C-alpha atoms as a PDB file:
ATOM      1  CA  UNK A   1      20.400  21.566  -2.509  1.00  0.00           C
ATOM      2  CA  UNK A   2      17.366  23.162  -4.132  1.00  0.00           C
ATOM      3  CA  UNK A   3      17.646  20.782  -7.126  1.00  0.00           C
ATOM      4  CA  UNK A   4      17.364  17.727  -4.854  1.00  0.00           C
ATOM      5  CA  UNK A   5      14.196  19.158  -3.346  1.00  0.00           C
ATOM      6  CA  UNK A   6      12.647  20.099  -6.689  1.00  0.00           C
ATOM      7  CA  UNK A   7      13.731  16.933  -8.521  1.00  0.00           C
ATOM      8  CA  UNK A   8      14.893  14.142  -6.198  1.00  0.00           C
ATOM      9  CA  UNK A   9      14.661  11.584  -9.025  1.00  0.00           C
ATOM     10  CA  UNK A  10      17.296  13.503 -11.001  1.00  0.00           C
ATOM     11  CA  UNK A  11      19.651  13.265  -8.022  1.00  0.00           C
ATOM     12  CA  UNK A  12      18.871   9.541  -7.708  1.00  0.00           C
ATOM     13  CA  UNK A  13      19.706   9.030 -11.396  1.00  0.00           C
ATOM     14  CA  UNK A  14      22.881  11.090 -11.143  1.00  0.00           C
ATOM     15  CA  UNK A  15      24.213   9.529  -7.945  1.00  0.00           C
ATOM     16  CA  UNK A  16      23.162   5.915  -8.536  1.00  0.00           C
ATOM     17  CA  UNK A  17      22.568   5.436 -12.265  1.00  0.00           C
ATOM     18  CA  UNK A  18      22.586   1.621 -12.250  1.00  0.00           C
ATOM     19  CA  UNK A  19      20.154   1.396  -9.365  1.00  0.00           C
ATOM     20  CA  UNK A  20      17.977   4.113 -10.915  1.00  0.00           C
ATOM     21  CA  UNK A  21      17.866   2.174 -14.188  1.00  0.00           C
ATOM     22  CA  UNK A  22      16.858  -1.018 -12.367  1.00  0.00           C
ATOM     23  CA  UNK A  23      14.172   0.945 -10.511  1.00  0.00           C
ATOM     24  CA  UNK A  24      12.888   2.390 -13.804  1.00  0.00           C
ATOM     25  CA  UNK A  25      12.719  -1.125 -15.261  1.00  0.00           C
ATOM     26  CA  UNK A  26      10.716  -2.294 -12.248  1.00  0.00           C
ATOM     27  CA  UNK A  27       8.285   0.609 -12.677  1.00  0.00           C
ATOM     28  CA  UNK A  28       7.910  -0.172 -16.393  1.00  0.00           C
ATOM     29  CA  UNK A  29       7.147  -3.808 -15.557  1.00  0.00           C
ATOM     30  CA  UNK A  30       4.426  -2.707 -13.155  1.00  0.00           C
ATOM     31  CA  UNK A  31       2.995  -0.207 -15.622  1.00  0.00           C
ATOM     32  CA  UNK A  32       2.803  -2.824 -18.370  1.00  0.00           C
ATOM     33  CA  UNK A  33       1.147  -5.512 -16.230  1.00  0.00           C
ATOM     34  CA  UNK A  34      -2.439  -6.220 -17.286  1.00  0.00           C
ATOM     35  CA  UNK A  35      -4.282  -6.780 -13.982  1.00  0.00           C
ATOM     36  CA  UNK A  36      -5.378  -3.150 -13.563  1.00  0.00           C
ATOM     37  CA  UNK A  37      -5.975  -0.448 -16.133  1.00  0.00           C
ATOM     38  CA  UNK A  38      -3.574   2.518 -16.135  1.00  0.00           C
ATOM     39  CA  UNK A  39      -5.998   4.967 -14.493  1.00  0.00           C
ATOM     40  CA  UNK A  40      -6.700   2.563 -11.629  1.00  0.00           C
ATOM     41  CA  UNK A  41      -2.968   2.035 -11.109  1.00  0.00           C
ATOM     42  CA  UNK A  42      -2.491   5.799 -10.785  1.00  0.00           C
ATOM     43  CA  UNK A  43      -5.323   5.996  -8.246  1.00  0.00           C
ATOM     44  CA  UNK A  44      -3.667   3.186  -6.268  1.00  0.00           C
ATOM     45  CA  UNK A  45      -0.339   5.060  -6.384  1.00  0.00           C
ATOM     46  CA  UNK A  46      -2.109   8.196  -5.112  1.00  0.00           C
ATOM     47  CA  UNK A  47      -3.550   6.275  -2.178  1.00  0.00           C
ATOM     48  CA  UNK A  48      -0.241   4.568  -1.342  1.00  0.00           C
ATOM     49  CA  UNK A  49       1.698   7.821  -1.489  1.00  0.00           C
ATOM     50  CA  UNK A  50      -0.927   9.594   0.627  1.00  0.00           C
ATOM     51  CA  UNK A  51      -0.371   7.044   3.418  1.00  0.00           C
ATOM     52  CA  UNK A  52       3.288   8.095   3.705  1.00  0.00           C
ATOM     53  CA  UNK A  53       2.324  11.142   3.234  1.00  0.00           C
ATOM     54  CA  UNK A  54       4.329  12.083   0.135  1.00  0.00           C
ATOM     55  CA  UNK A  55       2.763  15.253  -1.254  1.00  0.00           C
ATOM     56  CA  UNK A  56       5.204  15.567  -4.173  1.00  0.00           C
ATOM     57  CA  UNK A  57       4.465  12.029  -5.389  1.00  0.00           C
ATOM     58  CA  UNK A  58       0.720  12.496  -4.903  1.00  0.00           C
ATOM     59  CA  UNK A  59       0.788  15.588  -7.104  1.00  0.00           C
ATOM     60  CA  UNK A  60       2.797  13.744  -9.774  1.00  0.00           C
ATOM     61  CA  UNK A  61       0.344  10.820  -9.840  1.00  0.00           C
ATOM     62  CA  UNK A  62      -2.698  13.122  -9.764  1.00  0.00           C
ATOM     63  CA  UNK A  63      -1.460  14.695 -12.998  1.00  0.00           C
ATOM     64  CA  UNK A  64      -1.031  11.278 -14.568  1.00  0.00           C
ATOM     65  CA  UNK A  65      -4.432  10.058 -13.330  1.00  0.00           C
ATOM     66  CA  UNK A  66      -6.170  13.158 -14.659  1.00  0.00           C
ATOM     67  CA  UNK A  67      -4.574  12.678 -18.082  1.00  0.00           C
ATOM     68  CA  UNK A  68      -5.878   9.089 -18.044  1.00  0.00           C
ATOM     69  CA  UNK A  69      -9.424  10.280 -17.358  1.00  0.00           C
ATOM     70  CA  UNK A  70      -9.680  10.213 -13.570  1.00  0.00           C
ATOM     71  CA  UNK A  71     -12.224  12.548 -12.018  1.00  0.00           C
ATOM     72  CA  UNK A  72     -11.605  14.775  -9.017  1.00  0.00           C
ATOM     73  CA  UNK A  73     -14.021  12.562  -7.075  1.00  0.00           C
ATOM     74  CA  UNK A  74     -11.954   9.461  -7.884  1.00  0.00           C
ATOM     75  CA  UNK A  75      -8.755  11.178  -6.754  1.00  0.00           C
ATOM     76  CA  UNK A  76     -10.451  12.365  -3.573  1.00  0.00           C
ATOM     77  CA  UNK A  77     -11.833   8.897  -2.834  1.00  0.00           C
ATOM     78  CA  UNK A  78      -8.405   7.323  -3.368  1.00  0.00           C
ATOM     79  CA  UNK A  79      -6.980   9.612  -0.695  1.00  0.00           C
ATOM     80  CA  UNK A  80      -9.951   9.160   1.638  1.00  0.00           C
ATOM     81  CA  UNK A  81      -9.432   5.377   1.472  1.00  0.00           C
ATOM     82  CA  UNK A  82      -6.201   5.908   3.411  1.00  0.00           C
ATOM     83  CA  UNK A  83      -8.139   6.922   6.527  1.00  0.00           C
ATOM     84  CA  UNK A  84      -8.533   3.292   7.614  1.00  0.00           C
ATOM     85  CA  UNK A  85      -4.833   2.569   7.064  1.00  0.00           C
ATOM     86  CA  UNK A  86      -2.962   5.639   8.216  1.00  0.00           C
ATOM     87  CA  UNK A  87      -5.522   7.878   9.864  1.00  0.00           C
ATOM     88  CA  UNK A  88      -6.054  11.526   9.076  1.00  0.00           C
ATOM     89  CA  UNK A  89      -2.418  12.485   8.334  1.00  0.00           C
ATOM     90  CA  UNK A  90      -2.489  11.498   4.654  1.00  0.00           C
ATOM     91  CA  UNK A  91      -5.798  13.256   4.095  1.00  0.00           C
ATOM     92  CA  UNK A  92      -4.768  16.553   5.672  1.00  0.00           C
ATOM     93  CA  UNK A  93      -1.288  16.411   4.153  1.00  0.00           C
ATOM     94  CA  UNK A  94      -2.183  15.370   0.619  1.00  0.00           C
ATOM     95  CA  UNK A  95      -5.821  16.100  -0.191  1.00  0.00           C
ATOM     96  CA  UNK A  96      -5.424  19.878  -0.505  1.00  0.00           C
ATOM     97  CA  UNK A  97      -2.371  19.450  -2.744  1.00  0.00           C
ATOM     98  CA  UNK A  98      -4.121  16.791  -4.823  1.00  0.00           C
ATOM     99  CA  UNK A  99      -7.185  18.961  -5.408  1.00  0.00           C
ATOM    100  CA  UNK A 100      -4.997  21.945  -6.287  1.00  0.00           C
ATOM    101  CA  UNK A 101      -2.934  19.836  -8.706  1.00  0.00           C
ATOM    102  CA  UNK A 102      -6.058  18.358 -10.312  1.00  0.00           C
ATOM    103  CA  UNK A 103      -7.478  21.824 -10.854  1.00  0.00           C
ATOM    104  CA  UNK A 104      -4.150  23.063 -12.248  1.00  0.00           C
ATOM    105  CA  UNK A 105      -3.971  20.209 -14.754  1.00  0.00           C
ATOM    106  CA  UNK A 106      -7.589  20.880 -15.716  1.00  0.00           C
ATOM    107  CA  UNK A 107      -6.833  24.591 -16.220  1.00  0.00           C
ATOM    108  CA  UNK A 108      -3.730  24.005 -18.334  1.00  0.00           C
ATOM    109  CA  UNK A 109      -5.375  21.259 -20.420  1.00  0.00           C
ATOM    110  CA  UNK A 110      -8.445  23.309 -21.243  1.00  0.00           C
END
């Protein structure tokens, strides 16, 4: 059970490989679209996941955004934008984890 908590995507791939592959192809199509640059897409993902609130996904996308050059202020603003959509729950659930993850990625990269 611990593996499904620590890596739910691995369970998804193991239990439904064809669906997981189709999902991966969808994600790759979105990533390769040209309307938004990669950093902006990650900031959008952070905001969308904060509305749920999905702390694990927010942390994953914060790492990706940071590697693409996002600042802590951009990550914070992406989460704060959710206030008008989902209220305070995404901010209080995800902002502390996002800041901690950003700082961790900064520490390990430097």
